[in-house]
């Protein structure tokens, strides 16, 4: 489906309002597709020029769609504001012809052999580079809030493997919002009868170091803004007690989300199948 990734506003972290801007959106995505999406299906489809348009609504928008050719080793750079769709399908009879996601869905359900094959595995690297503007802060917090990793792998890598300490002089500022959110949530899941078990303590002990590395670039949707002090478990508990209700308030914003523009009016293959079954 067509969507844009300009997520999060000052009012609601889950909004995807994407009105025309008088400035350049301060984030770029570098995408490396590790398959040949030039001679088979599975690549990126973009709405040319839509990053300059108001696409807060998909109504009455005349889109010029383009499938992006890439082979392994190519790097595709695009702004989060552009309308795009993953897993573009290419016709065997006319690989250069560009269909809308809706047309792809419907034709693929009816005539799946019309299309060039998809890669067996969608193997892609995405790297986001961003400024420290307020808009970007909302996007990063949005991604952190929707994270659902219970393995604590990111926090382990950042703290236990010493990534933050090893890169303390890096010219880049590393955002650790996702690791903080996952650490607090996973630690809360280890509490039984108001007592946290040993594994929960081990999870929580990483929180002070993560909070040391954390920084805010907006006064909206603040996760953590108090002094860390030492790296003790006592400090970790205090930080978790500060962050936990903030996460709950941010999660509650989903229920009052003004507008979810993640997808345009594009039926999925399952929906088409259900409609056809009903027609029969």
Protein backbone atom coordinates (compact mmCIF):
# COMPACT_ATOMS: atom_id res chain seq x y z
CA UNK A 1 0.00 0.00 0.00
CA UNK A 2 1.07 3.59 -0.52
CA UNK A 3 2.12 5.37 2.63
CA UNK A 4 4.56 7.94 3.94
CA UNK A 5 6.73 7.78 7.06
CA UNK A 6 6.48 11.38 8.29
CA UNK A 7 5.13 10.12 11.60
CA UNK A 8 4.44 12.02 14.80
CA UNK A 9 3.29 15.55 15.58
CA UNK A 10 3.46 17.77 18.65
CA UNK A 11 -0.17 16.91 19.37
CA UNK A 12 -0.04 13.15 18.88
CA UNK A 13 2.97 10.90 18.44
CA UNK A 14 0.99 8.54 16.19
CA UNK A 15 -0.32 11.13 13.73
CA UNK A 16 0.83 10.91 10.11
CA UNK A 17 -0.26 14.38 9.01
CA UNK A 18 1.86 15.32 6.01
CA UNK A 19 1.01 18.83 4.84
CA UNK A 20 3.23 20.68 2.38
CA UNK A 21 6.29 22.18 4.05
CA UNK A 22 8.17 25.42 3.40
CA UNK A 23 11.41 23.65 4.38
CA UNK A 24 13.11 20.34 3.66
CA UNK A 25 12.00 17.48 5.89
CA UNK A 26 15.04 16.87 8.11
CA UNK A 27 15.42 13.13 7.60
CA UNK A 28 16.69 10.84 4.85
CA UNK A 29 16.47 7.08 4.50
CA UNK A 30 19.27 5.12 2.88
CA UNK A 31 17.94 1.79 1.58
CA UNK A 32 20.12 -1.08 0.38
CA UNK A 33 18.12 -3.87 -1.26
CA UNK A 34 20.19 -7.05 -1.32
CA UNK A 35 18.23 -8.52 -4.23
CA UNK A 36 17.85 -7.65 -7.89
CA UNK A 37 14.67 -5.55 -7.97
CA UNK A 38 15.40 -4.38 -11.51
CA UNK A 39 14.77 -7.71 -13.20
CA UNK A 40 12.26 -9.16 -10.77
CA UNK A 41 9.48 -7.97 -8.47
CA UNK A 42 9.92 -6.86 -4.86
CA UNK A 43 11.41 -3.38 -5.13
CA UNK A 44 10.37 0.11 -4.10
CA UNK A 45 7.55 2.10 -5.69
CA UNK A 46 7.44 5.88 -5.16
CA UNK A 47 5.02 8.70 -5.92
CA UNK A 48 7.26 11.13 -7.78
CA UNK A 49 7.19 14.61 -6.25
CA UNK A 50 4.79 13.71 -3.45
CA UNK A 51 7.29 14.88 -0.81
CA UNK A 52 6.48 18.43 -1.97
CA UNK A 53 2.72 17.92 -1.79
CA UNK A 54 0.09 17.90 0.92
CA UNK A 55 -0.65 14.19 1.16
CA UNK A 56 -2.54 14.37 4.43
CA UNK A 57 -5.36 12.89 2.38
CA UNK A 58 -5.18 10.54 -0.58
CA UNK A 59 -8.30 12.02 -2.14
CA UNK A 60 -8.07 13.78 -5.47
CA UNK A 61 -4.30 13.30 -5.82
CA UNK A 62 -3.03 12.61 -9.32
CA UNK A 63 0.01 10.45 -8.66
CA UNK A 64 2.92 9.74 -10.98
CA UNK A 65 4.17 6.37 -9.75
CA UNK A 66 7.59 4.94 -10.52
CA UNK A 67 9.16 1.57 -9.72
CA UNK A 68 12.75 2.07 -8.59
CA UNK A 69 15.34 -0.13 -10.31
CA UNK A 70 18.11 -1.45 -8.11
CA UNK A 71 20.59 -4.31 -8.07
CA UNK A 72 22.66 -5.53 -5.11
CA UNK A 73 25.18 -2.86 -4.20
CA UNK A 74 22.95 0.08 -5.11
CA UNK A 75 21.88 2.59 -2.44
CA UNK A 76 18.48 4.27 -2.74
CA UNK A 77 18.01 7.54 -0.86
CA UNK A 78 14.56 8.97 -0.23
CA UNK A 79 12.78 11.27 2.17
CA UNK A 80 10.32 9.96 4.76
CA UNK A 81 7.70 12.32 3.34
CA UNK A 82 7.44 10.70 -0.08
CA UNK A 83 4.55 8.34 -0.76
CA UNK A 84 5.99 4.91 -1.35
CA UNK A 85 5.09 1.24 -1.41
CA UNK A 86 7.21 -1.85 -0.78
CA UNK A 87 7.24 -5.06 -2.82
CA UNK A 88 6.35 -3.55 -6.20
CA UNK A 89 5.22 -6.10 -8.80
CA UNK A 90 6.53 -6.13 -12.38
CA UNK A 91 4.62 -7.60 -15.31
CA UNK A 92 6.39 -10.31 -17.32
CA UNK A 93 4.90 -8.93 -20.54
CA UNK A 94 5.90 -5.32 -19.82
CA UNK A 95 8.33 -4.92 -16.87
CA UNK A 96 8.53 -1.14 -17.39
CA UNK A 97 4.81 -0.64 -16.92
CA UNK A 98 3.97 0.74 -13.48
CA UNK A 99 0.75 -0.33 -11.79
CA UNK A 100 -0.83 1.13 -8.68
CA UNK A 101 -0.68 -1.07 -5.57
CA UNK A 102 -4.42 -1.58 -5.95
CA UNK A 103 -4.01 -2.82 -9.53
CA UNK A 104 -1.14 -5.07 -8.46
CA UNK A 105 -3.20 -6.61 -5.68
CA UNK A 106 -6.22 -7.32 -7.83
CA UNK A 107 -4.33 -8.68 -10.82
CA UNK A 108 -1.98 -10.74 -8.66
CA UNK A 109 -4.94 -12.44 -7.05
CA UNK A 110 -6.61 -13.20 -10.37
CA UNK A 111 -3.50 -13.91 -12.49
CA UNK A 112 -0.43 -14.42 -10.26
CA UNK A 113 1.64 -15.82 -13.12
CA UNK A 114 1.47 -12.47 -14.93
CA UNK A 115 4.24 -11.10 -12.71
CA UNK A 116 7.97 -11.57 -12.44
CA UNK A 117 8.90 -13.60 -9.34
CA UNK A 118 9.45 -12.10 -5.92
CA UNK A 119 12.73 -12.73 -4.11
CA UNK A 120 12.54 -15.66 -1.71
CA UNK A 121 13.60 -13.38 1.13
CA UNK A 122 13.16 -9.61 1.36
CA UNK A 123 16.60 -8.73 2.66
CA UNK A 124 17.05 -4.98 3.07
CA UNK A 125 19.13 -2.58 5.15
CA UNK A 126 17.57 0.73 6.16
CA UNK A 127 19.67 3.51 7.69
CA UNK A 128 18.08 6.79 8.78
CA UNK A 129 20.12 9.99 9.10
CA UNK A 130 18.35 12.89 10.78
CA UNK A 131 18.87 16.33 12.23
CA UNK A 132 17.91 17.23 15.79
CA UNK A 133 14.75 19.09 14.83
CA UNK A 134 11.48 18.68 16.70
CA UNK A 135 9.82 16.91 13.77
CA UNK A 136 12.48 14.21 13.78
CA UNK A 137 12.24 13.80 17.54
CA UNK A 138 8.56 12.91 17.16
CA UNK A 139 9.37 10.38 14.44
CA UNK A 140 12.02 8.65 16.56
CA UNK A 141 9.70 8.49 19.57
CA UNK A 142 6.96 7.06 17.35
CA UNK A 143 9.23 4.26 16.19
CA UNK A 144 10.31 3.56 19.76
CA UNK A 145 6.72 3.32 21.01
CA UNK A 146 5.68 0.79 18.36
CA UNK A 147 8.70 -1.45 19.04
CA UNK A 148 7.80 -4.86 20.46
CA UNK A 149 11.16 -6.63 20.96
CA UNK A 150 11.19 -8.68 24.16
CA UNK A 151 14.73 -10.02 23.68
CA UNK A 152 16.47 -6.88 25.01
CA UNK A 153 18.98 -7.38 22.19
CA UNK A 154 19.36 -3.65 21.49
CA UNK A 155 19.97 -2.69 25.12
CA UNK A 156 22.40 -5.59 25.52
CA UNK A 157 24.33 -4.42 22.47
CA UNK A 158 24.41 -0.78 23.58
CA UNK A 159 25.32 -1.43 27.22
CA UNK A 160 26.64 -4.96 27.76
CA UNK A 161 28.68 -5.00 24.56
CA UNK A 162 29.90 -1.48 25.29
CA UNK A 163 28.77 0.17 22.05
CA UNK A 164 27.91 3.45 23.78
CA UNK A 165 31.21 3.53 25.65
CA UNK A 166 33.26 2.59 22.60
CA UNK A 167 31.65 5.33 20.50
CA UNK A 168 31.53 8.09 23.08
CA UNK A 169 33.61 10.36 20.80
CA UNK A 170 31.64 9.58 17.65
CA UNK A 171 30.64 12.59 15.49
CA UNK A 172 27.13 11.07 15.38
CA UNK A 173 24.61 11.29 18.19
CA UNK A 174 22.99 7.89 18.66
CA UNK A 175 19.34 7.89 19.67
CA UNK A 176 18.54 5.19 22.23
CA UNK A 177 14.81 5.86 22.67
CA UNK A 178 13.83 2.37 21.48
CA UNK A 179 16.24 0.69 23.91
CA UNK A 180 14.84 2.74 26.81
CA UNK A 181 11.23 1.91 25.92
CA UNK A 182 11.98 -1.80 25.51
CA UNK A 183 13.98 -1.92 28.74
CA UNK A 184 11.22 -0.36 30.85
CA UNK A 185 8.48 -2.48 29.24
CA UNK A 186 10.41 -5.74 29.52
CA UNK A 187 11.36 -5.04 33.12
CA UNK A 188 7.71 -4.36 33.99
CA UNK A 189 6.81 -7.74 32.55
CA UNK A 190 9.10 -9.37 35.14
CA UNK A 191 7.17 -7.96 38.12
CA UNK A 192 5.02 -10.43 40.06
CA UNK A 193 3.20 -9.46 43.26
CA UNK A 194 4.97 -6.09 43.15
CA UNK A 195 8.37 -7.84 43.15
CA UNK A 196 10.75 -7.89 40.21
CA UNK A 197 12.63 -11.15 39.60
CA UNK A 198 16.35 -11.50 39.00
CA UNK A 199 16.04 -11.39 35.22
CA UNK A 200 13.99 -8.23 35.52
CA UNK A 201 16.70 -6.65 37.64
CA UNK A 202 19.33 -7.52 35.06
CA UNK A 203 17.19 -5.87 32.40
CA UNK A 204 16.59 -2.80 34.56
CA UNK A 205 20.27 -2.37 35.45
CA UNK A 206 20.97 -1.21 31.89
CA UNK A 207 18.55 1.71 32.18
CA UNK A 208 20.84 4.29 33.86
CA UNK A 209 23.51 3.92 31.16
CA UNK A 210 20.87 4.24 28.45
CA UNK A 211 19.43 7.34 30.11
CA UNK A 212 22.92 8.85 30.29
CA UNK A 213 23.14 8.59 26.50
CA UNK A 214 19.57 9.77 25.93
CA UNK A 215 18.82 13.35 24.90
CA UNK A 216 15.67 15.27 24.05
CA UNK A 217 15.32 17.73 21.15
CA UNK A 218 11.68 18.58 21.76
CA UNK A 219 9.54 19.54 24.73
CA UNK A 220 6.83 17.20 23.43
CA UNK A 221 6.57 13.49 24.24
CA UNK A 222 9.49 13.59 26.67
CA UNK A 223 10.67 10.15 27.83
CA UNK A 224 13.30 11.12 30.37
CA UNK A 225 14.66 14.47 31.52
CA UNK A 226 16.00 14.06 35.06
CA UNK A 227 19.61 13.62 36.19
CA UNK A 228 20.88 10.05 36.15
CA UNK A 229 23.46 10.20 38.91
CA UNK A 230 25.04 6.79 39.50
CA UNK A 231 24.42 3.55 37.63
CA UNK A 232 23.00 1.61 40.57
CA UNK A 233 19.86 -0.52 40.60
CA UNK A 234 18.29 2.04 42.93
CA UNK A 235 18.79 4.71 40.25
CA UNK A 236 17.39 2.33 37.65
CA UNK A 237 14.22 1.82 39.68
CA UNK A 238 13.78 5.58 40.10
CA UNK A 239 14.21 6.15 36.37
CA UNK A 240 11.75 3.37 35.51
CA UNK A 241 9.19 4.90 37.87
CA UNK A 242 9.63 8.21 36.05
CA UNK A 243 9.50 6.79 32.52
CA UNK A 244 6.80 4.13 32.91
CA UNK A 245 3.77 6.43 33.32
CA UNK A 246 5.01 8.57 30.44
CA UNK A 247 5.01 5.52 28.20
CA UNK A 248 1.48 4.72 29.32
CA UNK A 249 0.32 8.23 28.41
CA UNK A 250 1.98 8.04 25.01
CA UNK A 251 0.51 4.60 24.33
CA UNK A 252 -2.92 6.01 25.18
CA UNK A 253 -2.58 8.49 22.30
CA UNK A 254 -3.26 5.69 19.83
CA UNK A 255 -6.90 5.68 20.94
CA UNK A 256 -7.33 9.36 20.09
CA UNK A 257 -5.14 9.37 16.97
CA UNK A 258 -6.43 12.07 14.65
CA UNK A 259 -5.52 10.43 11.39
CA UNK A 260 -3.71 7.26 10.44
CA UNK A 261 -2.49 7.75 6.89
CA UNK A 262 -0.32 4.69 6.79
CA UNK A 263 -2.26 3.37 3.85
CA UNK A 264 -4.26 4.83 1.04
CA UNK A 265 -7.50 3.38 -0.32
CA UNK A 266 -5.80 0.18 -1.44
CA UNK A 267 -7.55 -3.18 -0.91
CA UNK A 268 -5.35 -6.09 0.07
CA UNK A 269 -5.38 -9.43 -1.73
CA UNK A 270 -7.14 -11.00 1.27
CA UNK A 271 -9.88 -8.39 1.10
CA UNK A 272 -10.33 -8.95 -2.64
CA UNK A 273 -10.49 -12.70 -2.06
CA UNK A 274 -13.20 -12.24 0.57
CA UNK A 275 -15.17 -9.96 -1.75
CA UNK A 276 -14.98 -12.47 -4.58
CA UNK A 277 -16.06 -15.29 -2.29
CA UNK A 278 -19.04 -13.20 -1.19
CA UNK A 279 -19.96 -12.48 -4.81
CA UNK A 280 -20.01 -16.19 -5.59
